[in-house]
C-alpha cells in the first residue's frame, strides 16, 4: 500500500514542478547560458565563427554566468534543486573543455572553480534556509507556548480559588460555627468538649497542610531563606510524602553561589521533571544528581520508567503538554543547555548544564 502511494506521489510532484514558474525561469537561464557558452553552434553566419559572443578568447565570463541559474535554483528549490541545476550546468560546460577550448587546462580549472563556487552557494543557501525555518518554528512554538502558559496560569488560578473556596473557607466556616455554637450554648463539658477540640484541631491541621502546599507551589520559602539544596530536599520529601515517590538526592558538600533568580529557574526545571515522572513514568523511585564541574552546575533527573519517543516532542506541544518546552525556555534564560534522553521502556534522563 505504501509503495503504491509513493509511486503515485512521484508523477504528482513532477506535475507540480512543471507548473512552477521558477522551474521555467531556471531552465530558460540555463539554456541562455548554454547558448552563450557555444556560440559557434548557432545557425547564424555572423556568429557561427565566433569563439565568444563577448569577443573574448576565453570563456571565463560565460562560465560565471552559469552561476545565475544555479543560485536561483538553490534559492527556489532548496538544496536538491540547486544540486540538480549544478550538475546540469557542469554537464553543459565540460564538453567545451575537451572539444572546443583552446586552453583546456585553464578551461578545466575554471569549470571546476564554477562547480566549487556553485556548491558553496548551495550549502550557504541551504544553511540559511534551515536557519530561517528553525527560527520560524521557534517563533511559532514560542507563541503557542505563551498562549498555553497563559491558559495554564488561568486554570491554576481557578483551581487554587476553587480549592480555597471549597475546602479551606468551608473548614473555617465550620470551625467558626462550632466556636459560635460553643459560645452561645455555653462551653460543653467533658468528652463532648474534647471531641469538639479534636475536630477543630484536625481541620486546622488539614488547612495548614493545604496552605503550605499552595505556598510551596507558588514560591517555596525555603528557596529564599536557605537556598537551592534545602529547597530540593524539601521537594524530594514532599514528593515521597504526598505522592509516594522516593527521590534519591545526591548533592556535593558545597555548591557555587548562583543568583536567586537562577536558583528558582533550576528549582522549577527539577520540579517539572519530577512532575513528569509522577504523571507519566509509572515508577515509585527516581534520582536527582547535582554536581559542579569545570565552572558548570550539572543537574540530572533520572527515572527507569516507561519513557517516551522524543521524536513526538512537537506532537506533545500541540496537544497542550508544554512541560518540556517550559524546561527548555528556562534553560535558555539560564544561558545553559537542556538535553532529554528517553526511549520507550528505557526510562528518561533530563540533564541541565548551567554556567556558574
C-alpha atoms as a PDB file:
ATOM      1  CA  UNK A   1       0.000   0.000   0.000  1.00  0.00           C
ATOM      2  CA  UNK A   2       2.784   2.417   0.941  1.00  0.00           C
ATOM      3  CA  UNK A   3       4.723   1.622  -2.242  1.00  0.00           C
ATOM      4  CA  UNK A   4       1.695   2.365  -4.410  1.00  0.00           C
ATOM      5  CA  UNK A   5       1.188   5.684  -2.624  1.00  0.00           C
ATOM      6  CA  UNK A   6       4.830   6.629  -3.195  1.00  0.00           C
ATOM      7  CA  UNK A   7       4.578   5.734  -6.879  1.00  0.00           C
ATOM      8  CA  UNK A   8       1.500   7.915  -7.179  1.00  0.00           C
ATOM      9  CA  UNK A   9       3.293  10.800  -5.452  1.00  0.00           C
ATOM     10  CA  UNK A  10       6.188  10.907  -7.951  1.00  0.00           C
ATOM     11  CA  UNK A  11       4.120  11.898 -11.037  1.00  0.00           C
ATOM     12  CA  UNK A  12       2.215  14.342  -8.844  1.00  0.00           C
ATOM     13  CA  UNK A  13       5.456  16.037  -7.751  1.00  0.00           C
ATOM     14  CA  UNK A  14       6.674  16.115 -11.353  1.00  0.00           C
ATOM     15  CA  UNK A  15       3.490  17.867 -12.463  1.00  0.00           C
ATOM     16  CA  UNK A  16       3.862  20.409  -9.665  1.00  0.00           C
ATOM     17  CA  UNK A  17       7.440  21.034 -10.783  1.00  0.00           C
ATOM     18  CA  UNK A  18       6.364  21.593 -14.392  1.00  0.00           C
ATOM     19  CA  UNK A  19       3.666  24.027 -13.292  1.00  0.00           C
ATOM     20  CA  UNK A  20       6.127  26.124 -11.285  1.00  0.00           C
ATOM     21  CA  UNK A  21       7.212  29.433 -12.914  1.00  0.00           C
ATOM     22  CA  UNK A  22      10.548  29.206 -11.105  1.00  0.00           C
ATOM     23  CA  UNK A  23      11.362  25.942 -12.866  1.00  0.00           C
ATOM     24  CA  UNK A  24      10.898  27.516 -16.294  1.00  0.00           C
ATOM     25  CA  UNK A  25      12.869  30.626 -15.342  1.00  0.00           C
ATOM     26  CA  UNK A  26      15.800  28.472 -14.205  1.00  0.00           C
ATOM     27  CA  UNK A  27      15.505  26.338 -17.346  1.00  0.00           C
ATOM     28  CA  UNK A  28      15.493  29.478 -19.525  1.00  0.00           C
ATOM     29  CA  UNK A  29      18.579  30.888 -17.794  1.00  0.00           C
ATOM     30  CA  UNK A  30      20.327  27.541 -18.152  1.00  0.00           C
ATOM     31  CA  UNK A  31      19.564  27.441 -21.890  1.00  0.00           C
ATOM     32  CA  UNK A  32      20.709  31.055 -22.312  1.00  0.00           C
ATOM     33  CA  UNK A  33      23.971  30.253 -20.518  1.00  0.00           C
ATOM     34  CA  UNK A  34      24.466  27.239 -22.825  1.00  0.00           C
ATOM     35  CA  UNK A  35      23.881  29.416 -25.918  1.00  0.00           C
ATOM     36  CA  UNK A  36      26.449  31.943 -24.683  1.00  0.00           C
ATOM     37  CA  UNK A  37      28.842  29.083 -23.997  1.00  0.00           C
ATOM     38  CA  UNK A  38      28.603  27.575 -27.524  1.00  0.00           C
ATOM     39  CA  UNK A  39      28.081  30.478 -29.992  1.00  0.00           C
ATOM     40  CA  UNK A  40      29.758  28.540 -32.831  1.00  0.00           C
ATOM     41  CA  UNK A  41      26.862  26.059 -32.819  1.00  0.00           C
ATOM     42  CA  UNK A  42      24.270  28.744 -33.548  1.00  0.00           C
ATOM     43  CA  UNK A  43      22.781  28.630 -37.101  1.00  0.00           C
ATOM     44  CA  UNK A  44      23.638  32.271 -37.805  1.00  0.00           C
ATOM     45  CA  UNK A  45      26.529  33.102 -40.149  1.00  0.00           C
ATOM     46  CA  UNK A  46      27.520  36.213 -38.208  1.00  0.00           C
ATOM     47  CA  UNK A  47      28.224  34.285 -35.027  1.00  0.00           C
ATOM     48  CA  UNK A  48      28.985  30.751 -36.161  1.00  0.00           C
ATOM     49  CA  UNK A  49      32.681  31.501 -36.466  1.00  0.00           C
ATOM     50  CA  UNK A  50      32.977  33.405 -33.206  1.00  0.00           C
ATOM     51  CA  UNK A  51      34.711  31.902 -30.227  1.00  0.00           C
ATOM     52  CA  UNK A  52      32.733  34.103 -27.808  1.00  0.00           C
ATOM     53  CA  UNK A  53      29.732  36.380 -28.182  1.00  0.00           C
ATOM     54  CA  UNK A  54      31.572  38.869 -25.957  1.00  0.00           C
ATOM     55  CA  UNK A  55      34.560  38.920 -28.323  1.00  0.00           C
ATOM     56  CA  UNK A  56      36.824  37.214 -25.769  1.00  0.00           C
ATOM     57  CA  UNK A  57      39.312  34.404 -26.315  1.00  0.00           C
ATOM     58  CA  UNK A  58      38.486  32.728 -23.021  1.00  0.00           C
ATOM     59  CA  UNK A  59      35.088  31.707 -21.634  1.00  0.00           C
ATOM     60  CA  UNK A  60      35.521  32.725 -18.000  1.00  0.00           C
ATOM     61  CA  UNK A  61      32.610  35.190 -18.208  1.00  0.00           C
ATOM     62  CA  UNK A  62      30.311  32.623 -19.809  1.00  0.00           C
ATOM     63  CA  UNK A  63      31.201  30.099 -17.099  1.00  0.00           C
ATOM     64  CA  UNK A  64      30.478  32.650 -14.362  1.00  0.00           C
ATOM     65  CA  UNK A  65      27.062  33.316 -15.947  1.00  0.00           C
ATOM     66  CA  UNK A  66      26.172  29.675 -15.212  1.00  0.00           C
ATOM     67  CA  UNK A  67      26.156  30.642 -11.528  1.00  0.00           C
ATOM     68  CA  UNK A  68      22.962  32.650 -12.085  1.00  0.00           C
ATOM     69  CA  UNK A  69      20.638  29.676 -12.743  1.00  0.00           C
ATOM     70  CA  UNK A  70      22.476  27.624 -10.091  1.00  0.00           C
ATOM     71  CA  UNK A  71      21.891  30.309  -7.436  1.00  0.00           C
ATOM     72  CA  UNK A  72      18.276  30.832  -8.482  1.00  0.00           C
ATOM     73  CA  UNK A  73      17.596  27.081  -8.457  1.00  0.00           C
ATOM     74  CA  UNK A  74      19.118  26.762  -4.974  1.00  0.00           C
ATOM     75  CA  UNK A  75      17.049  29.722  -3.753  1.00  0.00           C
ATOM     76  CA  UNK A  76      13.765  28.442  -5.202  1.00  0.00           C
ATOM     77  CA  UNK A  77      14.126  24.681  -4.971  1.00  0.00           C
ATOM     78  CA  UNK A  78      16.385  24.274  -1.979  1.00  0.00           C
ATOM     79  CA  UNK A  79      19.416  22.007  -1.849  1.00  0.00           C
ATOM     80  CA  UNK A  80      18.050  19.373  -4.236  1.00  0.00           C
ATOM     81  CA  UNK A  81      17.124  21.939  -6.878  1.00  0.00           C
ATOM     82  CA  UNK A  82      20.495  23.662  -6.586  1.00  0.00           C
ATOM     83  CA  UNK A  83      22.441  20.397  -6.891  1.00  0.00           C
ATOM     84  CA  UNK A  84      20.370  19.289  -9.899  1.00  0.00           C
ATOM     85  CA  UNK A  85      20.994  22.599 -11.667  1.00  0.00           C
ATOM     86  CA  UNK A  86      24.707  22.492 -10.770  1.00  0.00           C
ATOM     87  CA  UNK A  87      25.070  19.026 -12.291  1.00  0.00           C
ATOM     88  CA  UNK A  88      23.201  20.160 -15.399  1.00  0.00           C
ATOM     89  CA  UNK A  89      25.468  23.208 -15.709  1.00  0.00           C
ATOM     90  CA  UNK A  90      28.635  21.131 -15.332  1.00  0.00           C
ATOM     91  CA  UNK A  91      27.389  18.653 -17.929  1.00  0.00           C
ATOM     92  CA  UNK A  92      26.944  21.582 -20.324  1.00  0.00           C
ATOM     93  CA  UNK A  93      30.338  23.156 -19.569  1.00  0.00           C
ATOM     94  CA  UNK A  94      32.673  20.153 -19.613  1.00  0.00           C
ATOM     95  CA  UNK A  95      32.188  19.239 -23.323  1.00  0.00           C
ATOM     96  CA  UNK A  96      33.661  22.623 -24.256  1.00  0.00           C
ATOM     97  CA  UNK A  97      36.693  21.914 -22.071  1.00  0.00           C
ATOM     98  CA  UNK A  98      37.631  18.812 -24.082  1.00  0.00           C
ATOM     99  CA  UNK A  99      36.191  19.583 -27.547  1.00  0.00           C
ATOM    100  CA  UNK A 100      36.339  23.315 -28.270  1.00  0.00           C
ATOM    101  CA  UNK A 101      38.597  25.107 -25.794  1.00  0.00           C
ATOM    102  CA  UNK A 102      41.938  26.443 -26.976  1.00  0.00           C
ATOM    103  CA  UNK A 103      43.174  26.342 -23.393  1.00  0.00           C
ATOM    104  CA  UNK A 104      41.878  23.027 -21.994  1.00  0.00           C
ATOM    105  CA  UNK A 105      43.825  23.149 -18.717  1.00  0.00           C
ATOM    106  CA  UNK A 106      42.644  26.645 -17.911  1.00  0.00           C
ATOM    107  CA  UNK A 107      39.105  25.788 -19.005  1.00  0.00           C
ATOM    108  CA  UNK A 108      39.113  22.678 -16.791  1.00  0.00           C
ATOM    109  CA  UNK A 109      40.318  24.700 -13.798  1.00  0.00           C
ATOM    110  CA  UNK A 110      37.744  27.465 -14.381  1.00  0.00           C
ATOM    111  CA  UNK A 111      34.919  24.953 -14.771  1.00  0.00           C
ATOM    112  CA  UNK A 112      35.950  23.208 -11.562  1.00  0.00           C
ATOM    113  CA  UNK A 113      36.020  26.571  -9.788  1.00  0.00           C
ATOM    114  CA  UNK A 114      32.493  27.284 -11.004  1.00  0.00           C
ATOM    115  CA  UNK A 115      31.473  23.873  -9.619  1.00  0.00           C
ATOM    116  CA  UNK A 116      33.101  24.633  -6.256  1.00  0.00           C
ATOM    117  CA  UNK A 117      31.525  28.099  -6.123  1.00  0.00           C
ATOM    118  CA  UNK A 118      28.122  26.676  -7.029  1.00  0.00           C
ATOM    119  CA  UNK A 119      28.484  24.048  -4.293  1.00  0.00           C
ATOM    120  CA  UNK A 120      29.364  26.719  -1.718  1.00  0.00           C
ATOM    121  CA  UNK A 121      26.382  28.818  -2.813  1.00  0.00           C
ATOM    122  CA  UNK A 122      24.146  25.767  -2.441  1.00  0.00           C
ATOM    123  CA  UNK A 123      25.493  24.990   1.015  1.00  0.00           C
ATOM    124  CA  UNK A 124      25.146  28.594   2.189  1.00  0.00           C
ATOM    125  CA  UNK A 125      21.591  28.997   0.885  1.00  0.00           C
ATOM    126  CA  UNK A 126      20.532  25.641   2.338  1.00  0.00           C
ATOM    127  CA  UNK A 127      22.077  26.552   5.694  1.00  0.00           C
ATOM    128  CA  UNK A 128      20.343  29.919   5.614  1.00  0.00           C
ATOM    129  CA  UNK A 129      17.058  28.279   4.660  1.00  0.00           C
ATOM    130  CA  UNK A 130      17.327  25.867   7.594  1.00  0.00           C
ATOM    131  CA  UNK A 131      18.165  28.702   9.988  1.00  0.00           C
ATOM    132  CA  UNK A 132      15.134  30.700   8.863  1.00  0.00           C
ATOM    133  CA  UNK A 133      12.932  27.606   9.049  1.00  0.00           C
ATOM    134  CA  UNK A 134      14.197  26.804  12.534  1.00  0.00           C
ATOM    135  CA  UNK A 135      13.739  30.416  13.627  1.00  0.00           C
ATOM    136  CA  UNK A 136      10.184  30.426  12.277  1.00  0.00           C
ATOM    137  CA  UNK A 137       9.400  27.161  14.071  1.00  0.00           C
ATOM    138  CA  UNK A 138      10.840  28.536  17.310  1.00  0.00           C
ATOM    139  CA  UNK A 139       8.745  31.701  16.979  1.00  0.00           C
ATOM    140  CA  UNK A 140       5.622  29.618  16.344  1.00  0.00           C
ATOM    141  CA  UNK A 141       6.448  27.373  19.307  1.00  0.00           C
ATOM    142  CA  UNK A 142       7.068  30.425  21.487  1.00  0.00           C
ATOM    143  CA  UNK A 143       3.719  31.970  20.551  1.00  0.00           C
ATOM    144  CA  UNK A 144       1.981  28.644  21.123  1.00  0.00           C
ATOM    145  CA  UNK A 145       3.836  28.137  24.402  1.00  0.00           C
ATOM    146  CA  UNK A 146       2.992  31.652  25.612  1.00  0.00           C
ATOM    147  CA  UNK A 147      -0.679  31.073  24.843  1.00  0.00           C
ATOM    148  CA  UNK A 148      -0.673  27.697  26.612  1.00  0.00           C
ATOM    149  CA  UNK A 149       1.164  29.118  29.624  1.00  0.00           C
ATOM    150  CA  UNK A 150      -1.333  31.980  29.914  1.00  0.00           C
ATOM    151  CA  UNK A 151      -4.203  29.493  29.829  1.00  0.00           C
ATOM    152  CA  UNK A 152      -2.412  27.211  32.286  1.00  0.00           C
ATOM    153  CA  UNK A 153      -1.927  30.128  34.690  1.00  0.00           C
ATOM    154  CA  UNK A 154      -5.598  30.989  34.481  1.00  0.00           C
ATOM    155  CA  UNK A 155      -6.575  27.357  35.053  1.00  0.00           C
ATOM    156  CA  UNK A 156      -4.224  27.181  38.019  1.00  0.00           C
ATOM    157  CA  UNK A 157      -5.719  30.352  39.493  1.00  0.00           C
ATOM    158  CA  UNK A 158      -9.195  28.854  39.071  1.00  0.00           C
ATOM    159  CA  UNK A 159      -8.059  25.612  40.705  1.00  0.00           C
ATOM    160  CA  UNK A 160      -6.500  27.393  43.688  1.00  0.00           C
ATOM    161  CA  UNK A 161      -9.540  29.664  44.075  1.00  0.00           C
ATOM    162  CA  UNK A 162     -11.865  26.656  43.879  1.00  0.00           C
ATOM    163  CA  UNK A 163      -9.895  24.635  46.409  1.00  0.00           C
ATOM    164  CA  UNK A 164      -9.610  27.584  48.772  1.00  0.00           C
ATOM    165  CA  UNK A 165     -13.352  28.195  48.491  1.00  0.00           C
ATOM    166  CA  UNK A 166     -14.462  24.561  48.645  1.00  0.00           C
ATOM    167  CA  UNK A 167     -12.015  23.318  51.265  1.00  0.00           C
ATOM    168  CA  UNK A 168     -10.242  25.979  53.302  1.00  0.00           C
ATOM    169  CA  UNK A 169     -13.053  28.510  53.537  1.00  0.00           C
ATOM    170  CA  UNK A 170     -15.622  25.789  54.234  1.00  0.00           C
ATOM    171  CA  UNK A 171     -13.441  24.410  57.032  1.00  0.00           C
ATOM    172  CA  UNK A 172     -13.088  27.906  58.500  1.00  0.00           C
ATOM    173  CA  UNK A 173     -16.863  28.331  58.371  1.00  0.00           C
ATOM    174  CA  UNK A 174     -17.377  25.019  60.161  1.00  0.00           C
ATOM    175  CA  UNK A 175     -14.832  25.938  62.861  1.00  0.00           C
ATOM    176  CA  UNK A 176     -16.422  29.359  63.243  1.00  0.00           C
ATOM    177  CA  UNK A 177     -19.868  27.827  63.690  1.00  0.00           C
ATOM    178  CA  UNK A 178     -18.539  25.281  66.160  1.00  0.00           C
ATOM    179  CA  UNK A 179     -16.977  28.058  68.226  1.00  0.00           C
ATOM    180  CA  UNK A 180     -20.090  30.176  67.890  1.00  0.00           C
ATOM    181  CA  UNK A 181     -22.252  27.278  68.985  1.00  0.00           C
ATOM    182  CA  UNK A 182     -19.980  26.645  71.936  1.00  0.00           C
ATOM    183  CA  UNK A 183     -20.025  30.309  72.993  1.00  0.00           C
ATOM    184  CA  UNK A 184     -23.779  30.721  72.663  1.00  0.00           C
ATOM    185  CA  UNK A 185     -24.715  27.410  74.230  1.00  0.00           C
ATOM    186  CA  UNK A 186     -22.105  27.514  76.908  1.00  0.00           C
ATOM    187  CA  UNK A 187     -18.862  25.634  76.973  1.00  0.00           C
ATOM    188  CA  UNK A 188     -19.625  21.899  76.695  1.00  0.00           C
ATOM    189  CA  UNK A 189     -18.120  19.739  79.367  1.00  0.00           C
ATOM    190  CA  UNK A 190     -16.150  16.539  79.455  1.00  0.00           C
ATOM    191  CA  UNK A 191     -15.795  14.233  76.460  1.00  0.00           C
ATOM    192  CA  UNK A 192     -18.018  16.379  74.205  1.00  0.00           C
ATOM    193  CA  UNK A 193     -15.695  19.356  74.587  1.00  0.00           C
ATOM    194  CA  UNK A 194     -12.643  17.192  73.891  1.00  0.00           C
ATOM    195  CA  UNK A 195     -14.236  15.801  70.715  1.00  0.00           C
ATOM    196  CA  UNK A 196     -15.005  19.349  69.589  1.00  0.00           C
ATOM    197  CA  UNK A 197     -11.440  20.417  70.270  1.00  0.00           C
ATOM    198  CA  UNK A 198     -10.079  17.403  68.399  1.00  0.00           C
ATOM    199  CA  UNK A 199     -12.335  18.056  65.396  1.00  0.00           C
ATOM    200  CA  UNK A 200     -11.292  21.710  65.194  1.00  0.00           C
ATOM    201  CA  UNK A 201      -7.614  20.804  65.593  1.00  0.00           C
ATOM    202  CA  UNK A 202      -7.780  18.243  62.766  1.00  0.00           C
ATOM    203  CA  UNK A 203      -9.474  20.706  60.446  1.00  0.00           C
ATOM    204  CA  UNK A 204      -6.890  23.381  61.255  1.00  0.00           C
ATOM    205  CA  UNK A 205      -4.023  20.919  60.634  1.00  0.00           C
ATOM    206  CA  UNK A 206      -5.513  19.965  57.253  1.00  0.00           C
ATOM    207  CA  UNK A 207      -5.806  23.633  56.296  1.00  0.00           C
ATOM    208  CA  UNK A 208      -2.187  24.239  57.297  1.00  0.00           C
ATOM    209  CA  UNK A 209      -1.031  21.348  55.081  1.00  0.00           C
ATOM    210  CA  UNK A 210      -3.048  22.618  52.124  1.00  0.00           C
ATOM    211  CA  UNK A 211      -1.880  26.201  52.539  1.00  0.00           C
ATOM    212  CA  UNK A 212       1.740  25.075  52.761  1.00  0.00           C
ATOM    213  CA  UNK A 213       1.237  23.090  49.566  1.00  0.00           C
ATOM    214  CA  UNK A 214      -0.140  26.150  47.799  1.00  0.00           C
ATOM    215  CA  UNK A 215       2.726  28.310  49.040  1.00  0.00           C
ATOM    216  CA  UNK A 216       5.258  25.667  48.052  1.00  0.00           C
ATOM    217  CA  UNK A 217       3.824  25.549  44.553  1.00  0.00           C
ATOM    218  CA  UNK A 218       3.697  29.326  44.115  1.00  0.00           C
ATOM    219  CA  UNK A 219       7.073  30.168  45.665  1.00  0.00           C
ATOM    220  CA  UNK A 220       8.912  27.874  48.116  1.00  0.00           C
ATOM    221  CA  UNK A 221      10.055  29.952  51.140  1.00  0.00           C
ATOM    222  CA  UNK A 222      12.903  27.504  51.767  1.00  0.00           C
ATOM    223  CA  UNK A 223      14.475  28.579  48.484  1.00  0.00           C
ATOM    224  CA  UNK A 224      14.549  32.236  49.570  1.00  0.00           C
ATOM    225  CA  UNK A 225      15.747  31.643  53.109  1.00  0.00           C
ATOM    226  CA  UNK A 226      18.035  28.600  52.864  1.00  0.00           C
ATOM    227  CA  UNK A 227      18.944  28.161  49.190  1.00  0.00           C
ATOM    228  CA  UNK A 228      18.622  25.646  46.369  1.00  0.00           C
ATOM    229  CA  UNK A 229      19.774  22.421  48.021  1.00  0.00           C
ATOM    230  CA  UNK A 230      17.485  22.623  51.094  1.00  0.00           C
ATOM    231  CA  UNK A 231      14.585  23.543  48.798  1.00  0.00           C
ATOM    232  CA  UNK A 232      15.277  20.479  46.641  1.00  0.00           C
ATOM    233  CA  UNK A 233      15.483  18.296  49.765  1.00  0.00           C
ATOM    234  CA  UNK A 234      12.094  19.646  50.818  1.00  0.00           C
ATOM    235  CA  UNK A 235      10.724  18.998  47.319  1.00  0.00           C
ATOM    236  CA  UNK A 236      12.010  15.417  47.421  1.00  0.00           C
ATOM    237  CA  UNK A 237      10.477  14.885  50.856  1.00  0.00           C
ATOM    238  CA  UNK A 238       7.111  16.251  49.714  1.00  0.00           C
ATOM    239  CA  UNK A 239       7.214  14.002  46.658  1.00  0.00           C
ATOM    240  CA  UNK A 240       7.577  10.948  48.854  1.00  0.00           C
ATOM    241  CA  UNK A 241       5.087  12.083  51.486  1.00  0.00           C
ATOM    242  CA  UNK A 242       2.335  13.275  49.130  1.00  0.00           C
ATOM    243  CA  UNK A 243       2.789  11.112  46.021  1.00  0.00           C
ATOM    244  CA  UNK A 244       4.661   8.103  47.363  1.00  0.00           C
ATOM    245  CA  UNK A 245       7.647   8.554  45.015  1.00  0.00           C
ATOM    246  CA  UNK A 246      11.022   8.146  46.705  1.00  0.00           C
ATOM    247  CA  UNK A 247      13.609  10.633  45.413  1.00  0.00           C
ATOM    248  CA  UNK A 248      17.311   9.873  45.863  1.00  0.00           C
ATOM    249  CA  UNK A 249      19.001  13.274  46.063  1.00  0.00           C
ATOM    250  CA  UNK A 250      22.783  13.334  45.562  1.00  0.00           C
ATOM    251  CA  UNK A 251      24.477  16.714  46.061  1.00  0.00           C
ATOM    252  CA  UNK A 252      28.082  17.757  46.851  1.00  0.00           C
ATOM    253  CA  UNK A 253      29.017  19.314  50.171  1.00  0.00           C
ATOM    254  CA  UNK A 254      29.411  22.749  48.599  1.00  0.00           C
ATOM    255  CA  UNK A 255      27.880  24.314  45.517  1.00  0.00           C
ATOM    256  CA  UNK A 256      28.934  27.517  43.769  1.00  0.00           C
ATOM    257  CA  UNK A 257      26.868  30.592  44.516  1.00  0.00           C
ATOM    258  CA  UNK A 258      24.326  31.485  41.865  1.00  0.00           C
ATOM    259  CA  UNK A 259      21.755  34.248  41.743  1.00  0.00           C
ATOM    260  CA  UNK A 260      18.401  33.767  43.448  1.00  0.00           C
ATOM    261  CA  UNK A 261      16.605  34.142  40.116  1.00  0.00           C
ATOM    262  CA  UNK A 262      18.720  31.367  38.638  1.00  0.00           C
ATOM    263  CA  UNK A 263      18.150  29.148  41.675  1.00  0.00           C
ATOM    264  CA  UNK A 264      14.407  29.484  41.116  1.00  0.00           C
ATOM    265  CA  UNK A 265      14.765  28.518  37.428  1.00  0.00           C
ATOM    266  CA  UNK A 266      16.837  25.429  38.315  1.00  0.00           C
ATOM    267  CA  UNK A 267      14.292  24.527  41.002  1.00  0.00           C
ATOM    268  CA  UNK A 268      11.395  24.835  38.526  1.00  0.00           C
ATOM    269  CA  UNK A 269      13.160  22.613  35.985  1.00  0.00           C
ATOM    270  CA  UNK A 270      13.706  19.904  38.610  1.00  0.00           C
ATOM    271  CA  UNK A 271      10.120  20.353  39.847  1.00  0.00           C
ATOM    272  CA  UNK A 272       8.714  19.957  36.317  1.00  0.00           C
ATOM    273  CA  UNK A 273      10.891  16.889  35.688  1.00  0.00           C
ATOM    274  CA  UNK A 274       9.629  15.284  38.920  1.00  0.00           C
ATOM    275  CA  UNK A 275       6.030  16.152  37.992  1.00  0.00           C
ATOM    276  CA  UNK A 276       6.534  14.384  34.654  1.00  0.00           C
ATOM    277  CA  UNK A 277       7.916  11.342  36.492  1.00  0.00           C
ATOM    278  CA  UNK A 278       4.853  11.306  38.768  1.00  0.00           C
ATOM    279  CA  UNK A 279       2.408  11.660  35.859  1.00  0.00           C
ATOM    280  CA  UNK A 280       3.955   9.522  33.135  1.00  0.00           C
ATOM    281  CA  UNK A 281       6.775   7.228  34.295  1.00  0.00           C
ATOM    282  CA  UNK A 282       4.788   4.697  36.334  1.00  0.00           C
ATOM    283  CA  UNK A 283       7.624   4.252  38.849  1.00  0.00           C
ATOM    284  CA  UNK A 284       7.876   4.962  42.569  1.00  0.00           C
ATOM    285  CA  UNK A 285      11.558   5.876  42.629  1.00  0.00           C
ATOM    286  CA  UNK A 286      13.753   8.461  40.894  1.00  0.00           C
ATOM    287  CA  UNK A 287      17.051  10.257  41.392  1.00  0.00           C
ATOM    288  CA  UNK A 288      18.280  13.851  41.316  1.00  0.00           C
ATOM    289  CA  UNK A 289      22.052  14.247  40.917  1.00  0.00           C
ATOM    290  CA  UNK A 290      23.765  17.632  41.245  1.00  0.00           C
ATOM    291  CA  UNK A 291      27.471  18.269  40.730  1.00  0.00           C
ATOM    292  CA  UNK A 292      29.860  21.112  39.971  1.00  0.00           C
ATOM    293  CA  UNK A 293      32.461  20.531  37.254  1.00  0.00           C
ATOM    294  CA  UNK A 294      34.552  22.949  35.182  1.00  0.00           C
ATOM    295  CA  UNK A 295      32.601  26.057  36.189  1.00  0.00           C
ATOM    296  CA  UNK A 296      29.348  24.295  35.272  1.00  0.00           C
ATOM    297  CA  UNK A 297      26.469  23.344  37.513  1.00  0.00           C
ATOM    298  CA  UNK A 298      25.174  19.989  36.252  1.00  0.00           C
ATOM    299  CA  UNK A 299      21.787  18.616  37.249  1.00  0.00           C
ATOM    300  CA  UNK A 300      20.354  15.263  36.201  1.00  0.00           C
ATOM    301  CA  UNK A 301      16.867  13.938  36.970  1.00  0.00           C
ATOM    302  CA  UNK A 302      16.557  10.270  36.040  1.00  0.00           C
ATOM    303  CA  UNK A 303      13.951   7.531  36.250  1.00  0.00           C
ATOM    304  CA  UNK A 304      13.638   3.975  34.952  1.00  0.00           C
ATOM    305  CA  UNK A 305      10.024   4.209  33.908  1.00  0.00           C
ATOM    306  CA  UNK A 306       8.051   3.951  30.672  1.00  0.00           C
ATOM    307  CA  UNK A 307       9.949   6.593  28.727  1.00  0.00           C
ATOM    308  CA  UNK A 308       8.635   8.155  25.522  1.00  0.00           C
ATOM    309  CA  UNK A 309       9.542   8.829  21.914  1.00  0.00           C
ATOM    310  CA  UNK A 310      11.457  12.140  21.723  1.00  0.00           C
ATOM    311  CA  UNK A 311      10.567  12.471  18.030  1.00  0.00           C
ATOM    312  CA  UNK A 312       6.993  13.237  19.149  1.00  0.00           C
ATOM    313  CA  UNK A 313       8.092  16.348  21.057  1.00  0.00           C
ATOM    314  CA  UNK A 314       6.180  18.675  18.703  1.00  0.00           C
ATOM    315  CA  UNK A 315       3.093  16.476  18.991  1.00  0.00           C
ATOM    316  CA  UNK A 316       3.206  16.792  22.783  1.00  0.00           C
ATOM    317  CA  UNK A 317       3.303  20.587  22.453  1.00  0.00           C
ATOM    318  CA  UNK A 318       0.367  20.627  20.026  1.00  0.00           C
ATOM    319  CA  UNK A 319      -1.619  18.530  22.499  1.00  0.00           C
ATOM    320  CA  UNK A 320      -1.038  21.111  25.196  1.00  0.00           C
ATOM    321  CA  UNK A 321       1.735  19.263  27.078  1.00  0.00           C
ATOM    322  CA  UNK A 322       4.227  22.109  27.220  1.00  0.00           C
ATOM    323  CA  UNK A 323       6.294  20.956  30.201  1.00  0.00           C
ATOM    324  CA  UNK A 324       9.325  20.044  28.094  1.00  0.00           C
ATOM    325  CA  UNK A 325       9.258  23.356  26.261  1.00  0.00           C
ATOM    326  CA  UNK A 326       8.923  25.163  29.585  1.00  0.00           C
ATOM    327  CA  UNK A 327      12.093  23.484  30.802  1.00  0.00           C
ATOM    328  CA  UNK A 328      13.866  24.405  27.563  1.00  0.00           C
ATOM    329  CA  UNK A 329      12.825  28.051  27.906  1.00  0.00           C
ATOM    330  CA  UNK A 330      14.078  28.183  31.495  1.00  0.00           C
ATOM    331  CA  UNK A 331      17.387  26.609  30.434  1.00  0.00           C
ATOM    332  CA  UNK A 332      17.664  29.285  27.732  1.00  0.00           C
ATOM    333  CA  UNK A 333      17.115  32.008  30.352  1.00  0.00           C
ATOM    334  CA  UNK A 334      19.904  30.409  32.394  1.00  0.00           C
ATOM    335  CA  UNK A 335      22.166  30.545  29.293  1.00  0.00           C
ATOM    336  CA  UNK A 336      22.565  26.815  29.775  1.00  0.00           C
ATOM    337  CA  UNK A 337      21.724  23.663  27.870  1.00  0.00           C
ATOM    338  CA  UNK A 338      18.986  21.121  28.465  1.00  0.00           C
ATOM    339  CA  UNK A 339      19.047  17.635  26.982  1.00  0.00           C
ATOM    340  CA  UNK A 340      16.433  14.921  27.373  1.00  0.00           C
ATOM    341  CA  UNK A 341      17.308  11.312  26.645  1.00  0.00           C
ATOM    342  CA  UNK A 342      14.398   8.899  26.603  1.00  0.00           C
ATOM    343  CA  UNK A 343      13.124   5.809  24.862  1.00  0.00           C
ATOM    344  CA  UNK A 344      10.042   3.686  25.320  1.00  0.00           C
ATOM    345  CA  UNK A 345      10.618   1.217  28.137  1.00  0.00           C
ATOM    346  CA  UNK A 346      14.083   2.611  28.846  1.00  0.00           C
ATOM    347  CA  UNK A 347      13.360   5.439  31.248  1.00  0.00           C
ATOM    348  CA  UNK A 348      14.121   9.148  30.929  1.00  0.00           C
ATOM    349  CA  UNK A 349      17.061  11.359  31.866  1.00  0.00           C
ATOM    350  CA  UNK A 350      16.767  15.166  31.988  1.00  0.00           C
ATOM    351  CA  UNK A 351      20.196  16.825  32.027  1.00  0.00           C
ATOM    352  CA  UNK A 352      20.772  20.514  32.706  1.00  0.00           C
ATOM    353  CA  UNK A 353      24.110  22.322  32.461  1.00  0.00           C
ATOM    354  CA  UNK A 354      24.350  25.909  33.708  1.00  0.00           C
ATOM    355  CA  UNK A 355      27.466  28.118  33.677  1.00  0.00           C
ATOM    356  CA  UNK A 356      28.424  29.402  37.129  1.00  0.00           C
END
